[in-house]
């Protein structure tokens, strides 16, 4: 059964742009693991996460494969330098009406 995840990411001080570059690279690997990025948002506010990502993955095994992908693990030093905090949790999308004025 597919898993929908939300990922909140905070950059280390002074590394907001570097966090986005790192995420650009590792998110490209999702496709190789039966996963897709649904939405990605960035913030300039120091009080909120620097990135919010929503993605869908086919299974727990696929998620485990992504998290242990050697190409991703090869960037561990970069990740440790630019990512201060990560919160990853499953979510469920609920249907709803769009906000007025949005299409």
N, C-alpha and C. Protein backbone atom coordinates (compact mmCIF):
# COMPACT_ATOMS: atom_id res chain seq x y z
N UNK A 1 0.84 -1.18 0.00
CA UNK A 1 0.00 0.00 0.00
C UNK A 1 0.89 1.25 0.00
N UNK A 2 0.60 2.22 -0.84
CA UNK A 2 1.42 3.44 -0.90
C UNK A 2 1.43 4.20 0.42
N UNK A 3 2.54 4.87 0.66
CA UNK A 3 2.73 5.68 1.86
C UNK A 3 2.88 7.12 1.41
N UNK A 4 2.12 8.03 2.03
CA UNK A 4 2.29 9.45 1.78
C UNK A 4 3.00 10.04 2.98
N UNK A 5 4.09 10.75 2.71
CA UNK A 5 4.93 11.30 3.78
C UNK A 5 5.05 12.80 3.66
N UNK A 6 5.19 13.44 4.82
CA UNK A 6 5.54 14.85 4.91
C UNK A 6 6.92 14.92 5.54
N UNK A 7 7.77 15.72 4.97
CA UNK A 7 9.12 15.89 5.49
C UNK A 7 9.34 17.38 5.75
N UNK A 8 9.70 17.70 6.98
CA UNK A 8 10.04 19.07 7.36
C UNK A 8 11.55 19.12 7.56
N UNK A 9 12.19 20.12 6.97
CA UNK A 9 13.65 20.24 7.03
C UNK A 9 14.07 21.64 7.47
N UNK A 10 15.02 21.70 8.38
CA UNK A 10 15.61 22.95 8.83
C UNK A 10 17.09 22.92 8.47
N UNK A 11 17.60 24.01 7.93
CA UNK A 11 19.01 24.12 7.57
C UNK A 11 19.84 24.50 8.78
N UNK A 12 21.10 24.13 8.72
CA UNK A 12 22.04 24.63 9.71
C UNK A 12 22.23 26.13 9.44
N UNK A 13 22.64 26.90 10.43
CA UNK A 13 22.79 28.34 10.25
C UNK A 13 23.65 28.70 9.03
N UNK A 14 23.10 29.57 8.19
CA UNK A 14 23.81 30.05 7.02
C UNK A 14 23.81 29.10 5.83
N UNK A 15 23.09 27.98 5.94
CA UNK A 15 23.13 26.97 4.87
C UNK A 15 21.78 26.69 4.22
N UNK A 16 20.89 27.66 4.27
CA UNK A 16 19.56 27.47 3.66
C UNK A 16 19.68 27.14 2.16
N UNK A 17 20.46 27.89 1.42
CA UNK A 17 20.63 27.63 -0.02
C UNK A 17 21.30 26.28 -0.25
N UNK A 18 22.27 25.94 0.56
CA UNK A 18 22.96 24.65 0.42
C UNK A 18 22.01 23.49 0.72
N UNK A 19 21.09 23.69 1.66
CA UNK A 19 20.07 22.67 1.94
C UNK A 19 19.24 22.42 0.69
N UNK A 20 18.80 23.48 0.01
CA UNK A 20 17.99 23.33 -1.19
C UNK A 20 18.77 22.61 -2.29
N UNK A 21 20.05 22.90 -2.43
CA UNK A 21 20.88 22.23 -3.43
C UNK A 21 21.00 20.74 -3.10
N UNK A 22 21.23 20.43 -1.85
CA UNK A 22 21.32 19.03 -1.43
C UNK A 22 20.01 18.31 -1.72
N UNK A 23 18.90 18.92 -1.36
CA UNK A 23 17.60 18.29 -1.59
C UNK A 23 17.31 18.13 -3.07
N UNK A 24 17.69 19.11 -3.89
CA UNK A 24 17.55 18.97 -5.34
C UNK A 24 18.17 17.66 -5.81
N UNK A 25 19.35 17.37 -5.30
CA UNK A 25 20.09 16.18 -5.74
C UNK A 25 19.46 14.88 -5.23
N UNK A 26 19.15 14.81 -3.96
CA UNK A 26 18.66 13.52 -3.43
C UNK A 26 17.21 13.25 -3.81
N UNK A 27 16.42 14.29 -4.03
CA UNK A 27 15.03 14.06 -4.44
C UNK A 27 14.96 13.47 -5.85
N UNK A 28 15.99 13.69 -6.66
CA UNK A 28 16.03 13.07 -7.98
C UNK A 28 16.06 11.54 -7.89
N UNK A 29 16.49 11.00 -6.76
CA UNK A 29 16.59 9.56 -6.59
C UNK A 29 15.25 8.90 -6.30
N UNK A 30 14.25 9.68 -5.92
CA UNK A 30 12.95 9.11 -5.56
C UNK A 30 12.38 8.23 -6.66
N UNK A 31 12.48 8.68 -7.90
CA UNK A 31 11.90 7.93 -9.02
C UNK A 31 12.46 6.51 -9.09
N UNK A 32 13.72 6.34 -8.76
CA UNK A 32 14.36 5.02 -8.80
C UNK A 32 13.84 4.08 -7.71
N UNK A 33 13.04 4.61 -6.81
CA UNK A 33 12.52 3.83 -5.69
C UNK A 33 10.99 3.83 -5.63
N UNK A 34 10.38 3.87 -6.80
CA UNK A 34 8.91 3.85 -6.88
C UNK A 34 8.28 4.93 -6.01
N UNK A 35 8.83 6.11 -6.09
CA UNK A 35 8.33 7.23 -5.29
C UNK A 35 8.25 8.47 -6.16
N UNK A 36 7.45 9.42 -5.71
CA UNK A 36 7.37 10.68 -6.44
C UNK A 36 7.17 11.84 -5.46
N UNK A 37 7.76 12.95 -5.82
CA UNK A 37 7.59 14.18 -5.08
C UNK A 37 6.24 14.77 -5.48
N UNK A 38 5.37 14.97 -4.51
CA UNK A 38 4.04 15.52 -4.78
C UNK A 38 4.10 17.05 -4.74
N UNK A 39 4.78 17.57 -3.73
CA UNK A 39 4.87 19.03 -3.57
C UNK A 39 6.10 19.36 -2.75
N UNK A 40 6.68 20.50 -3.06
CA UNK A 40 7.86 20.97 -2.32
C UNK A 40 7.70 22.47 -2.15
N UNK A 41 7.83 22.93 -0.93
CA UNK A 41 7.72 24.36 -0.64
C UNK A 41 8.92 24.78 0.19
N UNK A 42 9.36 26.01 -0.02
CA UNK A 42 10.49 26.55 0.74
C UNK A 42 10.03 27.81 1.48
N UNK A 43 10.71 28.10 2.56
CA UNK A 43 10.37 29.25 3.39
C UNK A 43 11.61 30.11 3.62
N UNK A 44 11.39 31.39 3.83
CA UNK A 44 12.47 32.30 4.20
C UNK A 44 12.37 32.71 5.66
N UNK A 45 11.40 32.15 6.36
CA UNK A 45 11.13 32.51 7.75
C UNK A 45 12.01 31.68 8.68
N UNK A 46 12.75 32.32 9.57
CA UNK A 46 13.64 31.60 10.48
C UNK A 46 12.90 30.79 11.54
N UNK A 47 11.62 31.01 11.70
CA UNK A 47 10.85 30.32 12.73
C UNK A 47 10.15 29.06 12.21
N UNK A 48 10.21 28.82 10.92
CA UNK A 48 9.52 27.68 10.32
C UNK A 48 10.53 26.78 9.61
N UNK A 49 10.12 25.58 9.21
CA UNK A 49 11.05 24.74 8.43
C UNK A 49 11.48 25.46 7.16
N UNK A 50 12.69 25.18 6.71
CA UNK A 50 13.20 25.77 5.48
C UNK A 50 12.60 25.10 4.25
N UNK A 51 12.21 23.83 4.39
CA UNK A 51 11.53 23.12 3.31
C UNK A 51 10.44 22.25 3.91
N UNK A 52 9.36 22.13 3.14
CA UNK A 52 8.28 21.19 3.44
C UNK A 52 8.08 20.38 2.16
N UNK A 53 8.17 19.07 2.29
CA UNK A 53 8.03 18.19 1.13
C UNK A 53 6.92 17.17 1.41
N UNK A 54 6.16 16.88 0.37
CA UNK A 54 5.17 15.81 0.42
C UNK A 54 5.52 14.84 -0.70
N UNK A 55 5.61 13.58 -0.35
CA UNK A 55 5.87 12.60 -1.39
C UNK A 55 5.17 11.28 -1.10
N UNK A 56 4.99 10.53 -2.18
CA UNK A 56 4.33 9.23 -2.11
C UNK A 56 5.33 8.16 -2.51
N UNK A 57 5.31 7.09 -1.71
CA UNK A 57 6.21 5.96 -1.94
C UNK A 57 5.37 4.69 -1.95
N UNK A 58 5.68 3.80 -2.85
CA UNK A 58 4.87 2.60 -3.05
C UNK A 58 4.80 1.70 -1.81
N UNK A 59 5.87 1.61 -1.02
CA UNK A 59 5.87 0.68 0.12
C UNK A 59 6.97 1.05 1.11
N UNK A 60 6.92 0.42 2.26
CA UNK A 60 7.98 0.63 3.25
C UNK A 60 9.32 0.14 2.70
N UNK A 61 9.30 -0.95 1.95
CA UNK A 61 10.55 -1.46 1.35
C UNK A 61 11.14 -0.44 0.38
N UNK A 62 10.29 0.23 -0.38
CA UNK A 62 10.77 1.26 -1.31
C UNK A 62 11.36 2.43 -0.54
N UNK A 63 10.71 2.84 0.57
CA UNK A 63 11.25 3.91 1.40
C UNK A 63 12.61 3.51 1.98
N UNK A 64 12.69 2.30 2.49
CA UNK A 64 13.97 1.81 3.03
C UNK A 64 15.05 1.82 1.96
N UNK A 65 14.67 1.44 0.73
CA UNK A 65 15.63 1.46 -0.38
C UNK A 65 16.12 2.86 -0.68
N UNK A 66 15.22 3.83 -0.65
CA UNK A 66 15.61 5.23 -0.88
C UNK A 66 16.54 5.72 0.22
N UNK A 67 16.17 5.44 1.46
CA UNK A 67 16.97 5.94 2.59
C UNK A 67 18.36 5.31 2.65
N UNK A 68 18.51 4.11 2.08
CA UNK A 68 19.81 3.43 2.10
C UNK A 68 20.48 3.40 0.73
N UNK A 69 19.95 4.17 -0.21
CA UNK A 69 20.53 4.24 -1.54
C UNK A 69 21.99 4.71 -1.42
N UNK A 70 22.95 3.96 -1.99
CA UNK A 70 24.36 4.34 -1.88
C UNK A 70 24.66 5.75 -2.40
N UNK A 71 23.92 6.20 -3.40
CA UNK A 71 24.14 7.56 -3.93
C UNK A 71 23.72 8.60 -2.90
N UNK A 72 22.68 8.31 -2.16
CA UNK A 72 22.22 9.22 -1.10
C UNK A 72 23.21 9.17 0.08
N UNK A 73 23.61 7.96 0.45
CA UNK A 73 24.54 7.81 1.57
C UNK A 73 25.91 8.43 1.28
N UNK A 74 26.29 8.47 0.01
CA UNK A 74 27.57 9.08 -0.37
C UNK A 74 27.58 10.58 -0.07
N UNK A 75 26.41 11.17 0.11
CA UNK A 75 26.30 12.61 0.39
C UNK A 75 26.07 12.88 1.89
N UNK A 76 26.32 11.89 2.72
CA UNK A 76 26.07 12.00 4.16
C UNK A 76 26.81 13.19 4.79
N UNK A 77 28.06 13.40 4.41
CA UNK A 77 28.81 14.53 4.98
C UNK A 77 28.16 15.86 4.61
N UNK A 78 27.74 15.97 3.36
CA UNK A 78 27.05 17.18 2.91
C UNK A 78 25.76 17.38 3.70
N UNK A 79 25.00 16.29 3.85
CA UNK A 79 23.75 16.36 4.59
C UNK A 79 23.99 16.82 6.02
N UNK A 80 24.98 16.24 6.67
CA UNK A 80 25.29 16.61 8.06
C UNK A 80 25.70 18.07 8.18
N UNK A 81 26.31 18.61 7.13
CA UNK A 81 26.75 20.00 7.14
C UNK A 81 25.59 20.98 6.95
N UNK A 82 24.58 20.60 6.15
CA UNK A 82 23.55 21.57 5.79
C UNK A 82 22.19 21.34 6.44
N UNK A 83 21.93 20.14 6.95
CA UNK A 83 20.62 19.83 7.55
C UNK A 83 20.76 19.77 9.06
N UNK A 84 20.06 20.67 9.73
CA UNK A 84 20.09 20.71 11.20
C UNK A 84 19.06 19.76 11.80
N UNK A 85 17.90 19.66 11.15
CA UNK A 85 16.80 18.88 11.73
C UNK A 85 15.89 18.40 10.61
N UNK A 86 15.40 17.17 10.77
CA UNK A 86 14.43 16.59 9.84
C UNK A 86 13.33 15.94 10.65
N UNK A 87 12.09 16.18 10.24
CA UNK A 87 10.94 15.50 10.81
C UNK A 87 10.20 14.86 9.65
N UNK A 88 10.04 13.54 9.71
CA UNK A 88 9.39 12.78 8.65
C UNK A 88 8.23 12.01 9.26
N UNK A 89 7.03 12.17 8.67
CA UNK A 89 5.87 11.49 9.24
C UNK A 89 4.83 11.21 8.15
N UNK A 90 4.06 10.13 8.33
CA UNK A 90 3.03 9.82 7.35
C UNK A 90 1.84 10.76 7.48
N UNK A 91 1.21 11.05 6.35
CA UNK A 91 0.02 11.90 6.31
C UNK A 91 -1.00 11.27 5.38
N UNK A 92 -2.22 11.76 5.48
CA UNK A 92 -3.29 11.35 4.60
C UNK A 92 -3.89 12.60 3.97
N UNK A 93 -4.03 12.59 2.66
CA UNK A 93 -4.67 13.72 1.99
C UNK A 93 -6.17 13.60 2.16
N UNK A 94 -6.79 14.72 2.44
CA UNK A 94 -8.24 14.77 2.54
C UNK A 94 -8.78 15.66 1.44
N UNK A 95 -9.89 15.25 0.84
CA UNK A 95 -10.47 16.12 -0.20
C UNK A 95 -11.02 17.39 0.42
N UNK A 96 -10.96 18.45 -0.32
CA UNK A 96 -11.48 19.71 0.16
C UNK A 96 -11.62 20.69 -0.97
N UNK A 97 -12.38 21.70 -0.73
CA UNK A 97 -12.59 22.73 -1.74
C UNK A 97 -11.36 23.63 -1.80
N UNK A 98 -10.97 24.08 -3.00
CA UNK A 98 -9.84 25.01 -3.09
C UNK A 98 -10.23 26.35 -2.46
N UNK A 99 -9.21 27.06 -2.04
CA UNK A 99 -9.45 28.38 -1.47
C UNK A 99 -10.01 29.32 -2.55
N UNK A 100 -10.85 30.26 -2.16
CA UNK A 100 -11.41 31.20 -3.15
C UNK A 100 -10.29 31.92 -3.90
N UNK A 101 -10.47 32.02 -5.21
CA UNK A 101 -9.51 32.73 -6.02
C UNK A 101 -8.36 31.86 -6.52
N UNK A 102 -8.22 30.65 -6.01
CA UNK A 102 -7.16 29.76 -6.46
C UNK A 102 -7.74 28.78 -7.47
N UNK A 103 -6.97 28.49 -8.50
CA UNK A 103 -7.44 27.51 -9.48
C UNK A 103 -6.43 26.41 -9.63
